[in-house]
N, C-alpha and C. Protein backbone atom coordinates (compact mmCIF):
# COMPACT_ATOMS: atom_id res chain seq x y z
N MET A 1 -37.69 -336.20 -126.28
CA MET A 1 -37.19 -334.83 -126.29
C MET A 1 -38.11 -333.98 -127.17
N LEU A 2 -38.38 -332.81 -126.69
CA LEU A 2 -39.23 -331.90 -127.45
C LEU A 2 -38.62 -331.59 -128.82
N VAL A 3 -37.34 -331.29 -128.83
CA VAL A 3 -36.64 -330.95 -130.06
C VAL A 3 -35.49 -331.94 -130.21
N THR A 4 -35.46 -332.63 -131.31
CA THR A 4 -34.45 -333.67 -131.48
C THR A 4 -33.14 -333.16 -132.07
N ASP A 5 -33.10 -331.92 -132.52
CA ASP A 5 -31.86 -331.37 -133.07
C ASP A 5 -30.95 -330.94 -131.93
N GLU A 6 -30.02 -331.80 -131.61
CA GLU A 6 -29.11 -331.53 -130.49
C GLU A 6 -27.94 -330.63 -130.90
N LYS A 7 -27.95 -330.17 -132.14
CA LYS A 7 -26.82 -329.40 -132.64
C LYS A 7 -27.11 -327.92 -132.82
N HIS A 8 -28.39 -327.51 -132.61
CA HIS A 8 -28.74 -326.12 -132.86
C HIS A 8 -29.73 -325.59 -131.82
N CYS A 9 -29.58 -324.32 -131.51
CA CYS A 9 -30.51 -323.64 -130.60
C CYS A 9 -31.91 -323.63 -131.22
N VAL A 10 -32.89 -324.02 -130.44
CA VAL A 10 -34.27 -324.06 -130.93
C VAL A 10 -34.80 -322.66 -131.27
N LEU A 11 -34.20 -321.63 -130.71
CA LEU A 11 -34.68 -320.27 -130.93
C LEU A 11 -33.95 -319.52 -132.05
N CYS A 12 -32.64 -319.78 -132.21
CA CYS A 12 -31.90 -319.00 -133.21
C CYS A 12 -31.08 -319.85 -134.19
N GLY A 13 -30.94 -321.13 -133.92
CA GLY A 13 -30.19 -322.01 -134.81
C GLY A 13 -28.69 -322.05 -134.57
N SER A 14 -28.21 -321.36 -133.54
CA SER A 14 -26.78 -321.37 -133.23
C SER A 14 -26.31 -322.81 -132.99
N PRO A 15 -25.09 -323.14 -133.45
CA PRO A 15 -24.57 -324.48 -133.22
C PRO A 15 -23.92 -324.66 -131.83
N PHE A 16 -23.87 -323.63 -131.04
CA PHE A 16 -23.24 -323.71 -129.71
C PHE A 16 -24.35 -323.79 -128.66
N VAL A 17 -24.69 -325.00 -128.25
CA VAL A 17 -25.89 -325.21 -127.44
C VAL A 17 -25.61 -325.94 -126.13
N GLU A 18 -26.57 -325.82 -125.23
CA GLU A 18 -26.60 -326.57 -123.98
C GLU A 18 -28.04 -326.98 -123.74
N VAL A 19 -28.22 -328.01 -122.93
CA VAL A 19 -29.55 -328.53 -122.68
C VAL A 19 -30.29 -327.61 -121.70
N HIS A 20 -31.57 -327.41 -121.95
CA HIS A 20 -32.42 -326.61 -121.07
C HIS A 20 -33.59 -327.48 -120.62
N HIS A 21 -33.76 -327.60 -119.31
CA HIS A 21 -34.92 -328.30 -118.76
C HIS A 21 -36.08 -327.31 -118.72
N CYS A 22 -37.19 -327.67 -119.34
CA CYS A 22 -38.32 -326.75 -119.41
C CYS A 22 -38.89 -326.45 -118.03
N PHE A 23 -38.73 -327.38 -117.11
CA PHE A 23 -39.21 -327.18 -115.73
C PHE A 23 -38.05 -327.44 -114.80
N GLU A 24 -37.77 -326.49 -113.93
CA GLU A 24 -36.64 -326.60 -113.03
C GLU A 24 -37.10 -326.46 -111.60
N GLY A 25 -36.15 -326.53 -110.71
CA GLY A 25 -36.47 -326.39 -109.30
C GLY A 25 -36.54 -327.75 -108.62
N THR A 26 -36.91 -327.73 -107.37
CA THR A 26 -36.91 -328.91 -106.54
C THR A 26 -37.68 -330.06 -107.17
N GLY A 27 -36.95 -331.05 -107.65
CA GLY A 27 -37.56 -332.25 -108.20
C GLY A 27 -38.08 -332.13 -109.62
N ARG A 28 -38.35 -330.93 -110.07
CA ARG A 28 -38.96 -330.78 -111.40
C ARG A 28 -37.96 -331.02 -112.53
N ARG A 29 -36.68 -330.80 -112.27
CA ARG A 29 -35.67 -331.08 -113.30
C ARG A 29 -35.64 -332.58 -113.57
N LYS A 30 -35.70 -333.39 -112.51
CA LYS A 30 -35.71 -334.84 -112.68
C LYS A 30 -36.97 -335.31 -113.41
N ILE A 31 -38.10 -334.69 -113.12
CA ILE A 31 -39.34 -335.05 -113.81
C ILE A 31 -39.25 -334.63 -115.27
N SER A 32 -38.64 -333.48 -115.54
CA SER A 32 -38.42 -333.05 -116.93
C SER A 32 -37.58 -334.09 -117.67
N ASP A 33 -36.54 -334.60 -117.02
CA ASP A 33 -35.71 -335.64 -117.63
C ASP A 33 -36.53 -336.91 -117.88
N LYS A 34 -37.34 -337.30 -116.92
CA LYS A 34 -38.14 -338.51 -117.04
C LYS A 34 -39.03 -338.47 -118.27
N TYR A 35 -39.60 -337.31 -118.56
CA TYR A 35 -40.54 -337.17 -119.69
C TYR A 35 -39.89 -336.51 -120.91
N ASP A 36 -38.57 -336.36 -120.91
CA ASP A 36 -37.85 -335.75 -122.04
C ASP A 36 -38.34 -334.35 -122.36
N LEU A 37 -38.61 -333.57 -121.35
CA LEU A 37 -39.08 -332.19 -121.54
C LEU A 37 -37.89 -331.24 -121.50
N THR A 38 -37.00 -331.40 -122.48
CA THR A 38 -35.81 -330.59 -122.61
C THR A 38 -35.68 -330.10 -124.05
N VAL A 39 -34.97 -329.01 -124.20
CA VAL A 39 -34.65 -328.47 -125.52
C VAL A 39 -33.20 -328.00 -125.49
N TYR A 40 -32.67 -327.65 -126.65
CA TYR A 40 -31.32 -327.12 -126.74
C TYR A 40 -31.37 -325.64 -127.03
N LEU A 41 -30.59 -324.88 -126.25
CA LEU A 41 -30.53 -323.42 -126.39
C LEU A 41 -29.07 -322.97 -126.39
N CYS A 42 -28.79 -321.91 -127.12
CA CYS A 42 -27.47 -321.28 -127.03
C CYS A 42 -27.38 -320.59 -125.67
N ARG A 43 -26.19 -320.23 -125.27
CA ARG A 43 -25.98 -319.59 -123.96
C ARG A 43 -26.80 -318.31 -123.82
N LEU A 44 -26.84 -317.48 -124.86
CA LEU A 44 -27.58 -316.22 -124.83
C LEU A 44 -29.06 -316.47 -124.55
N HIS A 45 -29.67 -317.39 -125.30
CA HIS A 45 -31.09 -317.66 -125.10
C HIS A 45 -31.35 -318.42 -123.80
N HIS A 46 -30.42 -319.28 -123.40
CA HIS A 46 -30.59 -319.99 -122.13
C HIS A 46 -30.64 -318.99 -120.98
N ASN A 47 -29.72 -318.05 -120.98
CA ASN A 47 -29.72 -317.01 -119.93
C ASN A 47 -30.98 -316.15 -120.00
N ALA A 48 -31.41 -315.80 -121.21
CA ALA A 48 -32.60 -314.96 -121.39
C ALA A 48 -33.86 -315.68 -120.88
N VAL A 49 -33.95 -316.98 -121.14
CA VAL A 49 -35.11 -317.76 -120.68
C VAL A 49 -35.16 -317.77 -119.16
N HIS A 50 -34.02 -317.97 -118.52
CA HIS A 50 -33.98 -318.02 -117.06
C HIS A 50 -34.18 -316.64 -116.42
N ALA A 51 -33.89 -315.59 -117.17
CA ALA A 51 -34.01 -314.23 -116.63
C ALA A 51 -35.47 -313.81 -116.45
N LYS A 52 -36.38 -314.41 -117.22
CA LYS A 52 -37.79 -314.03 -117.14
C LYS A 52 -38.65 -315.28 -116.99
N PRO A 53 -38.64 -315.89 -115.81
CA PRO A 53 -39.42 -317.11 -115.63
C PRO A 53 -40.91 -316.89 -115.85
N ASN A 54 -41.51 -317.87 -116.53
CA ASN A 54 -42.95 -317.87 -116.81
C ASN A 54 -43.40 -316.70 -117.69
N GLN A 55 -42.47 -316.15 -118.46
CA GLN A 55 -42.79 -315.07 -119.40
C GLN A 55 -42.10 -315.37 -120.73
N GLY A 56 -42.52 -314.73 -121.76
CA GLY A 56 -41.84 -314.79 -123.05
C GLY A 56 -41.48 -316.20 -123.49
N TRP A 57 -40.20 -316.38 -123.86
CA TRP A 57 -39.74 -317.68 -124.36
C TRP A 57 -39.89 -318.78 -123.32
N ASP A 58 -39.65 -318.47 -122.05
CA ASP A 58 -39.78 -319.49 -121.01
C ASP A 58 -41.20 -320.03 -120.98
N LEU A 59 -42.18 -319.15 -121.02
CA LEU A 59 -43.57 -319.59 -121.02
C LEU A 59 -43.89 -320.38 -122.29
N GLU A 60 -43.40 -319.92 -123.43
CA GLU A 60 -43.64 -320.65 -124.68
C GLU A 60 -43.06 -322.06 -124.63
N LEU A 61 -41.85 -322.20 -124.08
CA LEU A 61 -41.24 -323.52 -123.97
C LEU A 61 -42.01 -324.41 -122.99
N LYS A 62 -42.49 -323.83 -121.91
CA LYS A 62 -43.29 -324.61 -120.95
C LYS A 62 -44.61 -325.05 -121.58
N GLN A 63 -45.22 -324.19 -122.37
CA GLN A 63 -46.46 -324.56 -123.04
C GLN A 63 -46.21 -325.66 -124.07
N MET A 64 -45.12 -325.54 -124.81
CA MET A 64 -44.75 -326.56 -125.78
C MET A 64 -44.50 -327.89 -125.06
N ALA A 65 -43.82 -327.84 -123.93
CA ALA A 65 -43.53 -329.05 -123.16
C ALA A 65 -44.82 -329.68 -122.63
N GLN A 66 -45.73 -328.86 -122.15
CA GLN A 66 -46.99 -329.40 -121.64
C GLN A 66 -47.78 -330.07 -122.76
N LYS A 67 -47.83 -329.45 -123.92
CA LYS A 67 -48.53 -330.06 -125.06
C LYS A 67 -47.90 -331.40 -125.42
N TYR A 68 -46.58 -331.45 -125.42
CA TYR A 68 -45.86 -332.69 -125.70
C TYR A 68 -46.21 -333.76 -124.67
N PHE A 69 -46.20 -333.39 -123.40
CA PHE A 69 -46.55 -334.32 -122.32
C PHE A 69 -47.96 -334.88 -122.55
N GLU A 70 -48.90 -334.00 -122.82
CA GLU A 70 -50.30 -334.41 -122.99
C GLU A 70 -50.49 -335.28 -124.23
N GLU A 71 -49.68 -335.08 -125.25
CA GLU A 71 -49.78 -335.91 -126.46
C GLU A 71 -49.13 -337.27 -126.30
N HIS A 72 -48.10 -337.36 -125.43
CA HIS A 72 -47.31 -338.58 -125.34
C HIS A 72 -47.40 -339.35 -124.02
N TYR A 73 -47.78 -338.69 -122.93
CA TYR A 73 -47.67 -339.34 -121.63
C TYR A 73 -48.95 -339.39 -120.80
N GLY A 74 -49.79 -338.40 -120.89
CA GLY A 74 -50.96 -338.41 -120.02
C GLY A 74 -51.86 -337.21 -120.24
N THR A 75 -52.79 -337.07 -119.34
CA THR A 75 -53.79 -336.01 -119.41
C THR A 75 -53.27 -334.72 -118.80
N ARG A 76 -54.07 -333.68 -118.92
CA ARG A 76 -53.73 -332.41 -118.27
C ARG A 76 -53.67 -332.59 -116.76
N GLU A 77 -54.58 -333.40 -116.22
CA GLU A 77 -54.58 -333.67 -114.78
C GLU A 77 -53.28 -334.37 -114.37
N ASP A 78 -52.79 -335.30 -115.20
CA ASP A 78 -51.51 -335.97 -114.93
C ASP A 78 -50.37 -334.96 -114.95
N PHE A 79 -50.43 -334.03 -115.88
CA PHE A 79 -49.40 -333.00 -115.97
C PHE A 79 -49.40 -332.14 -114.71
N ILE A 80 -50.57 -331.73 -114.28
CA ILE A 80 -50.68 -330.88 -113.09
C ILE A 80 -50.17 -331.62 -111.85
N LYS A 81 -50.45 -332.92 -111.76
CA LYS A 81 -49.93 -333.71 -110.63
C LYS A 81 -48.40 -333.70 -110.62
N ALA A 82 -47.81 -333.77 -111.80
CA ALA A 82 -46.35 -333.82 -111.90
C ALA A 82 -45.70 -332.45 -111.75
N PHE A 83 -46.33 -331.39 -112.31
CA PHE A 83 -45.69 -330.09 -112.39
C PHE A 83 -46.44 -328.97 -111.67
N ILE A 84 -47.41 -329.32 -110.84
CA ILE A 84 -48.13 -328.41 -109.95
C ILE A 84 -49.24 -327.58 -110.63
N LYS A 85 -49.01 -327.13 -111.85
CA LYS A 85 -50.03 -326.29 -112.50
C LYS A 85 -49.98 -326.47 -114.01
N SER A 86 -51.00 -325.97 -114.68
CA SER A 86 -51.05 -325.98 -116.13
C SER A 86 -50.51 -324.66 -116.65
N TYR A 87 -49.80 -324.73 -117.77
CA TYR A 87 -49.27 -323.53 -118.42
C TYR A 87 -50.07 -323.19 -119.67
N LEU A 88 -51.13 -323.95 -119.92
CA LEU A 88 -51.98 -323.71 -121.10
C LEU A 88 -53.27 -323.02 -120.70
């Protein structure tokens, strides 16, 4: 998991959280689970992240997830094979 604190929002520290898959859509949620590319967000930030895909916080979380993948699981090429493109 990108962030191991399951009790607080990674963006604001709120204790009311839900899991956010950094990559969603057809098959990508399962791949996110496979590589632990999830974080915890409060409802407000979760909705905000989904409201602006590939921008702002969503892009930052995707970049953080890609860096984590490359440090723990494989190369950038491996990441692109799994998630279609690079976010870095």
